Amino acid sequence: MKSPSSSSSNRKNISLTPSFSFYVIAISFILFVTILYGEDFSCIVRHSFVNSQQSEELLSPHGDNIQKEVKFPFAIGRNEEGCNIFEGRWVYDEESRPFYKEEECPYIQPQLTCQTFGRPDRGYMHWRWQPHGCSLPSFNATFMLENLRGKRMVFTGDSLNRGQFISLVCLLQGVIPKDRKSIKTIESLTVFSAMDYNATIEFYWAPFLVESNSDNAIVHRVTDRIVRGRSIHKHARHWKGADIMVFNTYLWWMTGVPMKVLTGPFSGDMKNFEMMETEDAYRVALTRMVRWVEKNMDPNTTRVFFTSMSPTHEKSKEWGGDPTGNCLNETTPIEDPTYWGGGSRKNIMRVLKRTLERSKVPITVVNITQLSEYRKDAHTAIYKKQWNKLTPEQLANPKSYADCVHWCLPGLQDTWNELLYAKLFYP
């Protein structure tokens, strides 16, 4: 006669057998699928890993988890759960792009009017950014103007930020009667006024954000660049009272040599300076900006954004093109989703991320870097006003003076403002 304990043990063994068999079958099935689809599986994993590495280099320091706890001014809804609007692909769209025609916006500067200066193709205007798994909110000019009623929106930074400012003006001005809008420039400040809305959209020239010897909005091309890393009041007094701030600064820091950081005023002999590596000087300036934001921007009523690095396309060999070429004559985007050009410094992105995440006031990063990396076709190249007379050598070799830094309008920077619009109203 079997003991009770022996019977109990047998029952346990019997009850475990189906579970054990299930695990064996499941593991066998996984191994079979892995072998069968091994190459595709590894490709997917590798692709996701590379993309996540690049996108995580500069995530908004105030990301989704924090945003759920914060009520943002101007917001009317939330972005789709789990959707990263900065990761996606470019889709050719002749029906809904561009938002406006070059000749319909009288405010585009001649450095950006590519059709006026003879660009033969128009495809660069028709690409639409499509995030993975979701879509950008439809840009509505009237809606945005209503939400800017009685407000000041200020862009401040370099010429790339000025291009984004002009792009937004072009996106909005079409719904405003001709005699109810104006634009004027006084030294470093340009103000677009929408009179019926008592609203202004402004751009202030400050390529380093802090005080520098490049602050003259007209004469600023100096080779020996000097900044006062901890001095921002000269510029910031023009920003005070803004309801929405959009900062940028990157390109002017990329001298390739250590920066001169002045410890005294520019009015002196300027002998009191220290040499800093670019990353360190950049961190000093960004920290000063953050301190100003904390002191002057009320998170309950105002919003602060920072537009990330705008890529350059100076060397076509980086995307498998002509070893001696650049962006000139490029007419289609780069299709490799992992492409990252040499002009975008990830160490600078890390400095930006680490500095902004320390801010006590939410600063939302508009991460245009990766999606703009693909757009080798969207630069002004030679199709712009040339302020200096071209030499015979340049005329013989157009790619030698092609501008692979700035962007045609309409074009890529309209997408930057779609992203800004999404983060402003649907964070």
Protein backbone atom coordinates (compact mmCIF):
# COMPACT_ATOMS: atom_id res chain seq x y z
CA MET A 1 0.00 0.00 0.00
CA LYS A 2 1.38 3.41 -1.07
CA SER A 3 1.83 6.01 1.58
CA PRO A 4 -0.14 9.27 1.39
CA SER A 5 3.05 11.20 0.86
CA SER A 6 4.00 8.96 -2.08
CA SER A 7 0.61 9.50 -3.71
CA SER A 8 0.87 13.23 -3.20
CA SER A 9 4.29 13.25 -4.84
CA ASN A 10 2.95 11.39 -7.87
CA ARG A 11 0.06 13.84 -8.18
CA LYS A 12 2.55 16.72 -8.20
CA ASN A 13 4.61 15.06 -10.92
CA ILE A 14 1.50 14.46 -13.00
CA SER A 15 0.32 18.06 -12.56
CA LEU A 16 3.71 19.39 -13.58
CA THR A 17 3.95 17.34 -16.75
CA PRO A 18 1.57 19.44 -18.98
CA SER A 19 3.26 22.66 -17.84
CA PHE A 20 6.69 21.23 -18.59
CA SER A 21 5.55 20.07 -22.02
CA PHE A 22 4.15 23.52 -22.77
CA TYR A 23 7.50 25.15 -22.02
CA VAL A 24 9.35 22.64 -24.21
CA ILE A 25 6.96 23.28 -27.10
CA ALA A 26 7.16 27.07 -26.65
CA ILE A 27 10.97 27.09 -26.57
CA SER A 28 11.11 24.81 -29.62
CA PHE A 29 8.76 27.13 -31.52
CA ILE A 30 10.84 30.22 -30.64
CA LEU A 31 14.03 28.48 -31.79
CA PHE A 32 12.32 27.44 -35.03
CA VAL A 33 11.11 31.00 -35.76
CA THR A 34 14.51 32.47 -34.90
CA ILE A 35 16.27 30.08 -37.29
CA LEU A 36 13.69 30.57 -40.02
CA TYR A 37 13.62 34.36 -39.80
CA GLY A 38 16.97 34.91 -38.19
CA GLU A 39 18.27 37.45 -40.69
CA ASP A 40 15.10 39.56 -40.63
CA PHE A 41 14.94 39.37 -36.86
CA SER A 42 18.52 40.52 -36.39
CA CYS A 43 17.99 43.31 -38.91
CA ILE A 44 14.95 44.58 -37.01
CA VAL A 45 16.76 44.45 -33.68
CA ARG A 46 19.85 46.15 -35.13
CA HIS A 47 17.76 48.85 -36.82
CA SER A 48 15.79 49.56 -33.65
CA PHE A 49 18.95 49.66 -31.55
CA VAL A 50 20.73 52.11 -33.84
CA ASN A 51 17.69 54.35 -34.13
CA SER A 52 17.10 54.33 -30.38
CA GLN A 53 20.75 55.15 -29.78
CA GLN A 54 20.53 58.16 -32.07
CA SER A 55 17.13 59.42 -30.93
CA GLU A 56 18.03 59.03 -27.27
CA GLU A 57 21.10 61.23 -27.73
CA LEU A 58 18.76 64.21 -27.45
CA LEU A 59 15.38 63.47 -25.95
CA SER A 60 13.41 66.29 -24.43
CA PRO A 61 14.65 66.65 -20.86
CA HIS A 62 11.01 67.02 -19.88
CA GLY A 63 9.77 63.86 -21.55
CA ASP A 64 6.45 62.03 -21.59
CA ASN A 65 6.60 60.81 -17.99
CA ILE A 66 7.12 64.31 -16.63
CA GLN A 67 4.71 65.91 -19.07
CA LYS A 68 1.88 63.75 -17.72
CA GLU A 69 2.36 65.44 -14.37
CA VAL A 70 2.53 68.98 -15.76
CA LYS A 71 -0.27 71.13 -17.12
CA PHE A 72 1.31 73.07 -19.96
CA PRO A 73 0.06 76.52 -20.96
CA PHE A 74 -1.39 76.65 -24.51
CA ALA A 75 -1.87 72.86 -24.61
CA ILE A 76 -5.28 71.64 -25.72
CA GLY A 77 -4.56 67.91 -25.85
CA ARG A 78 -1.92 65.22 -25.67
CA ASN A 79 0.17 63.54 -28.31
CA GLU A 80 -0.81 59.94 -29.05
CA GLU A 81 0.44 57.60 -26.34
CA GLY A 82 3.83 56.16 -27.20
CA CYS A 83 4.27 58.28 -30.34
CA ASN A 84 7.62 59.96 -30.89
CA ILE A 85 6.92 62.59 -33.54
CA PHE A 86 10.65 63.04 -34.18
CA GLU A 87 11.11 59.48 -35.47
CA GLY A 88 9.65 58.66 -38.86
CA ARG A 89 10.22 58.98 -42.60
CA TRP A 90 9.76 61.47 -45.43
CA VAL A 91 6.82 60.88 -47.76
CA TYR A 92 6.52 62.63 -51.13
CA ASP A 93 3.24 64.56 -51.16
CA GLU A 94 2.19 66.79 -54.06
CA GLU A 95 -1.34 67.30 -52.71
CA SER A 96 -0.74 68.93 -49.33
CA ARG A 97 2.84 70.27 -49.67
CA PRO A 98 4.01 72.97 -49.81
CA PHE A 99 1.78 74.95 -47.44
CA TYR A 100 2.39 78.14 -49.45
CA LYS A 101 4.16 79.28 -52.58
CA GLU A 102 7.39 81.24 -52.50
CA GLU A 103 5.79 84.21 -54.23
CA GLU A 104 2.85 84.21 -51.78
CA CYS A 105 5.04 85.12 -48.79
CA PRO A 106 6.66 88.56 -49.17
CA TYR A 107 8.72 88.09 -46.01
CA ILE A 108 11.14 85.41 -47.22
CA GLN A 109 14.67 86.77 -47.34
CA PRO A 110 16.56 86.54 -50.65
CA GLN A 111 18.99 84.09 -49.03
CA LEU A 112 16.14 81.55 -48.91
CA THR A 113 14.14 82.14 -52.12
CA CYS A 114 15.58 79.30 -54.17
CA GLN A 115 13.06 79.43 -57.03
CA THR A 116 13.63 83.15 -57.54
CA PHE A 117 17.33 82.48 -57.97
CA GLY A 118 16.93 79.75 -60.52
CA ARG A 119 16.62 76.41 -58.77
CA PRO A 120 15.38 74.13 -61.58
CA ASP A 121 13.59 71.48 -59.47
CA ARG A 122 10.67 71.79 -57.06
CA GLY A 123 10.58 68.37 -55.42
CA TYR A 124 12.23 69.57 -52.20
CA MET A 125 9.00 71.45 -51.35
CA HIS A 126 6.77 68.38 -51.51
CA TRP A 127 8.16 66.12 -48.79
CA ARG A 128 5.97 65.53 -45.73
CA TRP A 129 7.27 64.18 -42.42
CA GLN A 130 5.42 61.03 -41.33
CA PRO A 131 6.14 59.82 -37.76
CA HIS A 132 6.09 56.06 -37.18
CA GLY A 133 2.71 54.85 -36.00
CA CYS A 134 0.97 58.23 -35.80
CA SER A 135 0.58 61.55 -37.60
CA LEU A 136 1.39 65.15 -36.83
CA PRO A 137 -1.57 67.35 -35.89
CA SER A 138 -2.78 69.33 -38.90
CA PHE A 139 -1.31 72.82 -38.87
CA ASN A 140 -4.08 75.41 -38.57
CA ALA A 141 -2.94 79.02 -38.98
CA THR A 142 -6.16 80.61 -37.70
CA PHE A 143 -6.21 78.37 -34.64
CA MET A 144 -2.61 79.25 -33.80
CA LEU A 145 -3.22 82.96 -34.20
CA GLU A 146 -6.27 82.76 -31.93
CA ASN A 147 -4.11 81.10 -29.28
CA LEU A 148 -1.46 83.78 -29.72
CA ARG A 149 -4.01 86.56 -29.24
CA GLY A 150 -2.47 89.22 -27.01
CA LYS A 151 0.80 87.26 -26.80
CA ARG A 152 4.47 87.62 -27.74
CA MET A 153 6.31 84.70 -29.34
CA VAL A 154 10.06 85.26 -29.56
CA PHE A 155 12.64 83.29 -31.55
CA THR A 156 16.22 84.03 -30.56
CA GLY A 157 19.46 82.63 -31.90
CA ASP A 158 21.28 82.45 -35.23
CA SER A 159 20.29 82.52 -38.91
CA LEU A 160 18.82 79.01 -38.71
CA ASN A 161 16.42 80.22 -36.04
CA ARG A 162 15.68 83.27 -38.18
CA GLY A 163 14.76 80.91 -41.01
CA GLN A 164 12.37 79.07 -38.70
CA PHE A 165 10.89 82.41 -37.65
CA ILE A 166 10.34 83.45 -41.29
CA SER A 167 8.84 80.04 -42.02
CA LEU A 168 6.29 80.45 -39.23
CA VAL A 169 5.45 83.97 -40.42
CA CYS A 170 4.83 82.55 -43.91
CA LEU A 171 2.64 79.78 -42.50
CA LEU A 172 0.49 82.31 -40.62
CA GLN A 173 0.42 85.44 -42.74
CA GLY A 174 -1.76 83.98 -45.50
CA VAL A 175 -4.91 84.15 -43.33
CA ILE A 176 -4.30 87.77 -42.29
CA PRO A 177 -5.56 90.62 -44.51
CA LYS A 178 -2.80 92.59 -46.20
CA ASP A 179 -3.45 95.82 -44.28
CA ARG A 180 -3.65 94.03 -40.92
CA LYS A 181 -0.09 92.72 -40.76
CA SER A 182 3.35 94.31 -40.77
CA ILE A 183 6.99 93.52 -40.22
CA LYS A 184 9.80 95.80 -39.12
CA THR A 185 13.43 95.41 -38.13
CA ILE A 186 15.34 97.59 -35.70
CA GLU A 187 18.94 96.48 -35.32
CA SER A 188 18.87 92.89 -33.94
CA LEU A 189 15.09 92.68 -33.48
CA THR A 190 12.55 91.85 -36.19
CA VAL A 191 8.85 92.01 -35.25
CA PHE A 192 5.94 90.60 -37.25
CA SER A 193 2.61 91.99 -36.04
CA ALA A 194 -0.84 90.45 -36.52
CA MET A 195 -2.92 93.49 -35.66
CA ASP A 196 -6.35 91.92 -35.35
CA TYR A 197 -4.92 89.45 -32.83
CA ASN A 198 -2.75 91.96 -30.95
CA ALA A 199 -0.01 89.35 -31.36
CA THR A 200 3.63 89.53 -32.35
CA ILE A 201 6.08 86.92 -33.57
CA GLU A 202 9.62 88.17 -33.18
CA PHE A 203 13.19 87.21 -33.99
CA TYR A 204 16.17 88.46 -32.06
CA TRP A 205 19.70 87.96 -33.43
CA ALA A 206 21.95 86.41 -30.76
CA PRO A 207 23.99 83.61 -32.39
CA PHE A 208 25.59 82.54 -29.09
CA LEU A 209 22.63 83.59 -26.89
CA VAL A 210 25.17 85.17 -24.55
CA GLU A 211 27.03 88.40 -25.41
CA SER A 212 29.67 88.07 -28.15
CA ASN A 213 31.67 90.01 -30.70
CA SER A 214 29.26 88.70 -33.37
CA ASP A 215 26.18 90.47 -32.03
CA ASN A 216 25.87 93.03 -34.80
CA ALA A 217 22.96 91.78 -36.90
CA ILE A 218 24.52 93.16 -40.10
CA VAL A 219 28.30 92.97 -39.57
CA HIS A 220 28.97 89.77 -37.67
CA ARG A 221 31.32 87.67 -39.77
CA VAL A 222 34.39 87.63 -37.56
CA THR A 223 37.00 84.90 -37.61
CA ASP A 224 38.22 85.34 -34.04
CA ARG A 225 34.99 84.69 -32.14
CA ILE A 226 34.78 85.77 -28.51
CA VAL A 227 31.91 85.26 -26.07
CA ARG A 228 31.09 86.51 -22.59
CA GLY A 229 29.80 83.18 -21.40
CA ARG A 230 28.05 84.45 -18.29
CA SER A 231 26.64 87.68 -19.74
CA ILE A 232 23.16 87.46 -21.23
CA HIS A 233 21.38 90.64 -20.08
CA LYS A 234 22.36 92.64 -23.18
CA HIS A 235 20.17 90.33 -25.25
CA ALA A 236 17.71 89.05 -22.69
CA ARG A 237 16.25 92.47 -21.92
CA HIS A 238 14.65 92.24 -25.38
CA TRP A 239 13.06 88.87 -24.54
CA LYS A 240 11.57 89.84 -21.21
CA GLY A 241 7.80 89.58 -21.20
CA ALA A 242 7.65 86.90 -23.90
CA ASP A 243 4.91 84.30 -23.56
CA ILE A 244 6.66 81.75 -25.77
CA MET A 245 10.43 81.53 -26.27
CA VAL A 246 12.15 79.47 -28.98
CA PHE A 247 15.92 79.30 -28.53
CA ASN A 248 18.66 77.84 -30.68
CA THR A 249 22.44 78.03 -30.82
CA TYR A 250 24.90 75.60 -32.36
CA LEU A 251 26.50 76.48 -35.68
CA TRP A 252 28.51 79.49 -34.51
CA TRP A 253 30.22 77.42 -31.84
CA MET A 254 31.70 75.02 -34.37
CA THR A 255 35.01 76.77 -35.04
CA GLY A 256 37.10 73.64 -34.62
CA VAL A 257 39.32 75.38 -32.09
CA PRO A 258 38.94 76.31 -28.40
CA MET A 259 36.72 79.33 -27.73
CA LYS A 260 37.81 82.60 -26.19
CA VAL A 261 35.57 83.24 -23.20
CA LEU A 262 35.85 86.82 -21.97
CA THR A 263 35.74 87.38 -18.21
CA GLY A 264 35.55 91.18 -18.44
CA PRO A 265 33.48 93.58 -20.58
CA PHE A 266 33.93 94.12 -24.31
CA SER A 267 34.50 97.78 -23.61
CA GLY A 268 37.91 97.03 -22.04
CA ASP A 269 41.12 95.80 -23.63
CA MET A 270 39.66 92.28 -23.83
CA LYS A 271 42.81 90.70 -22.48
CA ASN A 272 40.98 88.98 -19.66
CA PHE A 273 39.75 85.79 -21.24
CA GLU A 274 40.22 82.06 -20.89
CA MET A 275 40.42 79.44 -23.61
CA MET A 276 37.74 76.79 -23.30
CA GLU A 277 36.98 73.68 -25.28
CA THR A 278 33.80 74.11 -27.33
CA GLU A 279 31.76 71.78 -25.12
CA ASP A 280 32.75 73.63 -21.95
CA ALA A 281 32.05 77.09 -23.38
CA TYR A 282 28.74 75.85 -24.80
CA ARG A 283 27.78 74.49 -21.38
CA VAL A 284 28.58 77.83 -19.71
CA ALA A 285 26.37 79.72 -22.17
CA LEU A 286 23.48 77.24 -21.94
CA THR A 287 23.64 77.29 -18.15
CA ARG A 288 23.33 81.08 -18.25
CA MET A 289 20.33 80.77 -20.55
CA VAL A 290 18.70 78.25 -18.21
CA ARG A 291 19.21 80.54 -15.23
CA TRP A 292 17.52 83.38 -17.13
CA VAL A 293 14.61 81.11 -18.05
CA GLU A 294 14.17 80.04 -14.42
CA LYS A 295 14.09 83.66 -13.29
CA ASN A 296 11.91 85.13 -16.03
CA MET A 297 9.59 82.46 -17.48
CA ASP A 298 6.58 81.42 -15.37
CA PRO A 299 5.87 77.73 -16.12
CA ASN A 300 2.19 78.30 -15.30
CA THR A 301 1.68 80.84 -18.09
CA THR A 302 4.65 80.65 -20.50
CA ARG A 303 6.41 78.06 -22.67
CA VAL A 304 10.08 77.56 -23.53
CA PHE A 305 11.44 75.57 -26.49
CA PHE A 306 14.90 74.80 -27.79
CA THR A 307 15.41 73.79 -31.43
CA SER A 308 18.21 71.24 -31.68
CA MET A 309 21.12 71.17 -34.14
CA SER A 310 20.45 71.92 -37.78
CA PRO A 311 22.61 69.53 -39.85
CA THR A 312 24.89 70.46 -42.74
CA HIS A 313 25.56 68.41 -45.88
CA GLU A 314 29.04 69.50 -46.95
CA LYS A 315 30.41 66.10 -48.03
CA SER A 316 28.35 63.90 -50.32
CA LYS A 317 30.75 61.01 -49.78
CA GLU A 318 29.11 60.64 -46.34
CA TRP A 319 25.92 59.37 -48.00
CA GLY A 320 27.68 57.44 -50.76
CA GLY A 321 27.74 60.23 -53.35
CA ASP A 322 30.47 62.00 -55.31
CA PRO A 323 33.64 62.02 -53.16
CA THR A 324 34.21 65.67 -54.10
CA GLY A 325 30.58 66.82 -54.01
CA ASN A 326 28.19 68.36 -51.50
CA CYS A 327 24.50 69.28 -51.39
CA LEU A 328 24.50 70.91 -54.83
CA ASN A 329 22.24 69.15 -57.34
CA GLU A 330 20.82 66.80 -54.69
CA THR A 331 17.11 66.32 -55.34
CA THR A 332 15.99 63.50 -53.02
CA PRO A 333 16.31 62.76 -49.29
CA ILE A 334 18.72 60.20 -47.85
CA GLU A 335 16.87 56.91 -47.41
CA ASP A 336 19.16 55.23 -44.87
CA PRO A 337 17.26 55.64 -41.56
CA THR A 338 20.51 55.36 -39.57
CA TYR A 339 22.34 58.11 -41.49
CA TRP A 340 24.23 60.61 -39.33
CA GLY A 341 26.45 63.25 -40.91
CA GLY A 342 29.81 64.48 -39.68
CA GLY A 343 28.48 68.01 -39.20
CA SER A 344 26.28 67.02 -36.24
CA ARG A 345 28.21 66.73 -33.00
CA LYS A 346 26.71 64.23 -30.58
CA ASN A 347 28.91 65.49 -27.76
CA ILE A 348 27.24 68.90 -28.17
CA MET A 349 23.82 67.21 -28.06
CA ARG A 350 24.78 65.52 -24.81
CA VAL A 351 25.85 68.87 -23.32
CA LEU A 352 22.48 70.32 -24.33
CA LYS A 353 20.50 67.44 -22.86
CA ARG A 354 22.38 67.39 -19.55
CA THR A 355 22.16 71.16 -19.15
CA LEU A 356 18.48 71.55 -19.99
CA GLU A 357 17.37 68.65 -17.82
CA ARG A 358 18.64 70.56 -14.77
CA SER A 359 16.25 73.42 -15.45
CA LYS A 360 13.56 74.05 -12.86
CA VAL A 361 11.32 75.34 -15.65
CA PRO A 362 10.28 72.88 -18.40
CA ILE A 363 12.25 73.44 -21.62
CA THR A 364 10.94 71.34 -24.50
CA VAL A 365 13.45 70.30 -27.14
CA VAL A 366 12.18 70.38 -30.72
CA ASN A 367 14.46 67.64 -32.01
CA ILE A 368 14.84 68.45 -35.70
CA THR A 369 18.33 66.95 -36.06
CA GLN A 370 17.76 63.36 -37.20
CA LEU A 371 14.87 64.14 -39.56
CA SER A 372 16.84 67.03 -41.08
CA GLU A 373 19.88 64.79 -41.55
CA TYR A 374 17.96 63.01 -44.31
CA ARG A 375 17.28 66.24 -46.25
CA LYS A 376 20.44 66.74 -48.31
CA ASP A 377 18.12 68.00 -51.07
CA ALA A 378 16.61 70.91 -49.13
CA HIS A 379 19.53 73.38 -48.87
CA THR A 380 19.77 76.68 -50.71
CA ALA A 381 23.08 75.62 -52.34
CA ILE A 382 23.83 78.21 -55.08
CA TYR A 383 20.19 79.32 -55.46
CA LYS A 384 20.23 82.43 -53.28
CA LYS A 385 21.32 86.05 -53.34
CA GLN A 386 25.10 86.29 -53.32
CA TRP A 387 26.15 89.24 -51.19
CA ASN A 388 29.71 89.17 -52.49
CA LYS A 389 30.71 89.15 -56.14
CA LEU A 390 31.67 85.67 -57.24
CA THR A 391 35.21 85.11 -58.47
CA PRO A 392 35.97 83.46 -61.84
CA GLU A 393 37.19 80.40 -59.93
CA GLN A 394 33.90 80.14 -58.06
CA LEU A 395 31.86 80.58 -61.22
CA ALA A 396 33.83 77.76 -62.79
CA ASN A 397 33.16 75.51 -59.79
CA PRO A 398 29.69 76.23 -58.34
CA LYS A 399 29.93 73.64 -55.60
CA SER A 400 32.77 75.68 -54.08
CA TYR A 401 30.29 78.34 -52.95
CA ALA A 402 27.19 76.17 -52.43
CA ASP A 403 25.42 76.88 -49.14
CA CYS A 404 24.80 73.49 -47.52
CA VAL A 405 23.84 75.06 -44.18
CA HIS A 406 20.66 77.09 -44.83
CA TRP A 407 17.36 75.80 -46.21
CA CYS A 408 15.04 76.85 -49.04
CA LEU A 409 11.59 78.22 -48.19
CA PRO A 410 9.05 76.82 -48.55
CA GLY A 411 10.67 73.60 -47.47
CA LEU A 412 12.16 71.77 -44.52
CA GLN A 413 11.79 74.50 -41.92
CA ASP A 414 8.02 74.48 -42.37
CA THR A 415 8.20 70.95 -40.92
CA TRP A 416 10.19 72.28 -37.96
CA ASN A 417 7.24 74.54 -37.24
CA GLU A 418 4.78 71.68 -37.62
CA LEU A 419 6.74 69.94 -34.88
CA LEU A 420 6.78 73.10 -32.78
CA TYR A 421 3.02 73.46 -33.30
CA ALA A 422 2.53 69.84 -32.17
CA LYS A 423 4.63 70.30 -29.03
CA LEU A 424 2.99 73.62 -28.21
CA PHE A 425 -0.61 72.40 -28.41
CA TYR A 426 -0.27 68.60 -28.03
CA PRO A 427 2.76 68.01 -25.75
